[in-house]
Each structure stands twice: as C-alpha cells, then as structure tokens.
Protein backbone atom coordinates (compact mmCIF):
# COMPACT_ATOMS: atom_id res chain seq x y z
CA MET A 1 115.07 250.55 86.61
CA ARG A 2 117.03 253.55 87.48
CA PHE A 3 113.88 255.48 88.27
CA ILE A 4 112.70 252.77 90.84
CA LEU A 5 116.33 252.52 92.32
CA LEU A 6 116.10 256.50 92.37
CA VAL A 7 112.47 256.46 94.16
CA ILE A 8 114.00 253.88 96.66
CA VAL A 9 117.02 255.86 97.38
CA LEU A 10 115.29 259.22 97.67
CA GLY A 11 112.21 257.63 99.47
CA PHE A 12 113.73 255.78 102.39
CA PRO A 13 114.92 259.19 104.43
CA VAL A 14 111.58 260.80 103.92
CA ILE A 15 109.62 257.53 105.12
CA ASP A 16 112.28 257.34 107.97
CA PHE A 17 111.72 260.91 109.00
CA TYR A 18 107.89 260.26 109.00
CA ALA A 19 108.29 257.35 110.95
CA THR A 20 110.07 259.28 113.47
CA VAL A 21 107.62 262.11 113.84
CA ARG A 22 105.05 259.51 114.26
CA PHE A 23 107.10 257.48 116.94
CA ALA A 24 108.15 260.82 118.59
CA ARG A 25 104.40 261.82 118.92
CA TRP A 26 103.41 258.16 120.30
CA THR A 27 106.03 258.26 122.99
CA GLY A 28 106.09 262.05 123.75
CA VAL A 29 109.81 262.57 123.57
CA PRO A 30 110.74 265.38 120.99
CA VAL A 31 111.89 264.33 117.63
CA TRP A 32 115.05 266.21 118.14
CA GLY A 33 115.64 264.11 121.22
CA TRP A 34 115.18 261.04 119.11
CA LEU A 35 117.59 262.27 116.35
CA ALA A 36 120.19 263.69 118.84
CA MET A 37 120.42 260.46 120.95
CA SER A 38 120.72 258.31 117.55
CA PHE A 39 123.57 260.70 116.41
CA ILE A 40 125.39 260.45 119.54
CA ALA A 41 125.25 256.73 119.74
CA GLY A 42 126.50 256.48 115.92
CA ALA A 43 129.46 258.93 116.78
CA TYR A 44 130.28 257.04 119.91
CA LEU A 45 130.17 253.67 117.89
CA LEU A 46 132.35 254.86 115.20
CA ARG A 47 134.69 256.49 117.48
CA ASN A 48 135.13 253.14 119.43
CA GLU A 49 135.56 251.22 116.27
CA ARG A 50 138.24 253.27 114.92
CA ILE A 51 140.30 252.62 118.30
CA ALA A 52 139.54 248.86 118.05
CA PHE A 53 140.10 248.53 114.29
CA ARG A 54 143.84 249.88 114.84
CA ALA A 55 144.23 247.28 117.70
CA ASN A 56 142.55 244.45 115.64
CA THR A 57 144.87 245.05 112.55
CA ILE A 58 147.92 245.05 114.77
CA ALA A 59 146.74 241.87 116.21
CA ALA A 60 146.23 240.23 112.83
CA MET A 61 149.76 241.49 111.58
CA HIS A 62 151.16 239.49 114.65
CA GLY A 63 148.87 236.46 113.80
CA GLU A 64 147.12 236.76 117.00
CA GLN A 65 143.61 236.81 115.25
CA PRO A 66 142.38 235.96 111.97
CA LEU A 67 142.25 239.01 109.63
CA LEU A 68 139.00 238.23 107.69
CA ARG A 69 137.14 238.15 110.98
CA GLY A 70 138.17 241.25 112.20
CA LEU A 71 137.48 243.18 109.03
CA VAL A 72 133.71 241.84 108.70
CA ASP A 73 133.17 242.70 112.25
CA SER A 74 134.66 246.15 111.95
CA GLY A 75 132.67 246.90 108.73
CA ARG A 76 129.43 245.61 110.36
CA LYS A 77 129.98 248.08 113.16
CA VAL A 78 130.87 250.94 110.95
CA LEU A 79 127.95 250.53 108.60
CA ALA A 80 125.63 250.43 111.78
CA GLY A 81 127.36 253.56 113.27
CA MET A 82 126.52 255.47 110.06
CA LEU A 83 123.03 254.07 110.10
CA PHE A 84 122.70 255.13 113.60
CA MET A 85 123.99 258.74 112.28
CA LEU A 86 121.02 258.77 109.79
CA PRO A 87 118.16 260.74 110.96
CA GLY A 88 115.32 258.31 111.58
CA ILE A 89 113.82 255.24 113.80
CA LEU A 90 113.93 252.98 110.75
CA SER A 91 117.69 253.42 110.18
CA ASP A 92 118.31 252.90 113.87
CA LEU A 93 116.35 249.58 113.89
CA ILE A 94 118.32 248.28 110.93
CA ALA A 95 121.31 249.23 112.88
CA LEU A 96 120.52 247.42 115.74
CA VAL A 97 119.59 244.21 113.76
CA LEU A 98 122.84 244.31 112.09
CA LEU A 99 124.60 244.87 115.37
CA ALA A 100 122.59 241.83 116.93
CA LEU A 101 123.15 239.37 114.07
CA PRO A 102 125.28 236.58 114.74
CA ILE A 103 128.06 237.11 112.26
CA ASN A 104 131.55 235.76 113.04
CA VAL A 105 130.53 233.67 115.69
CA GLY A 106 131.46 230.09 115.86
CA ARG A 107 134.83 228.30 116.37
CA GLU A 108 138.06 230.05 115.26
CA PHE A 109 139.66 229.27 111.84
CA ALA A 110 142.50 226.88 112.39
CA PRO A 111 143.94 225.63 109.49
CA HIS A 112 145.31 221.94 109.30
CA THR A 113 146.78 219.79 106.40
CA VAL A 114 144.46 217.47 104.89
CA GLY A 115 145.35 213.91 104.81
CA ALA A 116 148.39 214.30 106.69
CA PRO A 117 148.80 211.32 109.13
CA ARG A 118 148.38 211.95 112.80
CA TYR A 119 150.80 209.98 114.96
CA HIS A 120 150.59 209.72 118.59
CA ARG A 121 153.66 209.91 120.75
CA HIS A 122 152.52 207.18 123.05
CA ARG A 123 151.24 204.38 120.68
CA GLU A 124 150.12 201.26 122.37
CA PRO A 125 151.04 197.92 120.86
CA LEU A 126 148.19 196.06 118.76
CA ASP A 127 147.11 192.65 120.24
CA GLY A 128 145.91 189.82 118.42
CA GLU A 129 146.61 186.29 117.01
CA TYR A 130 149.09 185.54 114.03
CA ASN A 131 148.38 182.23 112.08
CA ARG A 132 150.52 181.75 109.04
CA VAL A 133 148.63 179.92 106.13
CA ASP A 134 150.75 177.94 103.66
C-alpha cells in the first residue's frame, strides 16, 4: 500500500508536466508561458485570499457572518491557489474545478429554537359555534 501511494504521489507531477508539454505543443504557446501564467494566477489568488481571510475572520468575530462557511471557502481558495502554483495543466484544471464547485451556496445558517411556540402580535379571534352537551 505504501508503494502504491508513493507511485501516485511521485507520478502525478511527472504526468502533469508531460501533459503540459503536450498541451503547449498543441497550442503553440511555450511551456514556460503556461507555467508562468499559472504560477502568477496562484500567487495572486493566495495574496487576495490572505487579505480577505483577515476581513472574514473579523466579521465572524463580530457575528456578521458564520465562521465555518468562511473557513471552508477560504480553505478551498488556498488549496486552489497552491494547485495553480504547481507546474502543470492537470493541477490547474483541478484548481479550476475546485473553484467552480458550488460549496457554501445556499441559505445562511440561522439558528432557531426547536419546539418553541411562535406567537403573532396581532392574533385574530377564532370564529365558531359553541354548544353545551349535558
């Protein structure tokens, strides 16, 4: 099992670089161009996420936004930035898929008490008939 994991970990960068070279030949763009563009994109993404993480953490401390949602979103962007910085087209595609996944999309987490009665301020009277049975 360790050998298989080692082959996967060491083989992915080789396969990724080979795919990048083949893709560069196919498109006519030099390999260093693809590598430089993806590295710059990763560095830019990490830089922006570092700034946004501070703001999101402060907002979570003040209670303006949920903490877990910000952490998951930030971790996803940091992982995508590191994948962009790895040399290769396959890692760039994985980073793009990671950024495009709809994680943390939906309604906000709003805690409420379970089972507590909800009374309305302006209750209308109930209309009906009353018959006493002896």
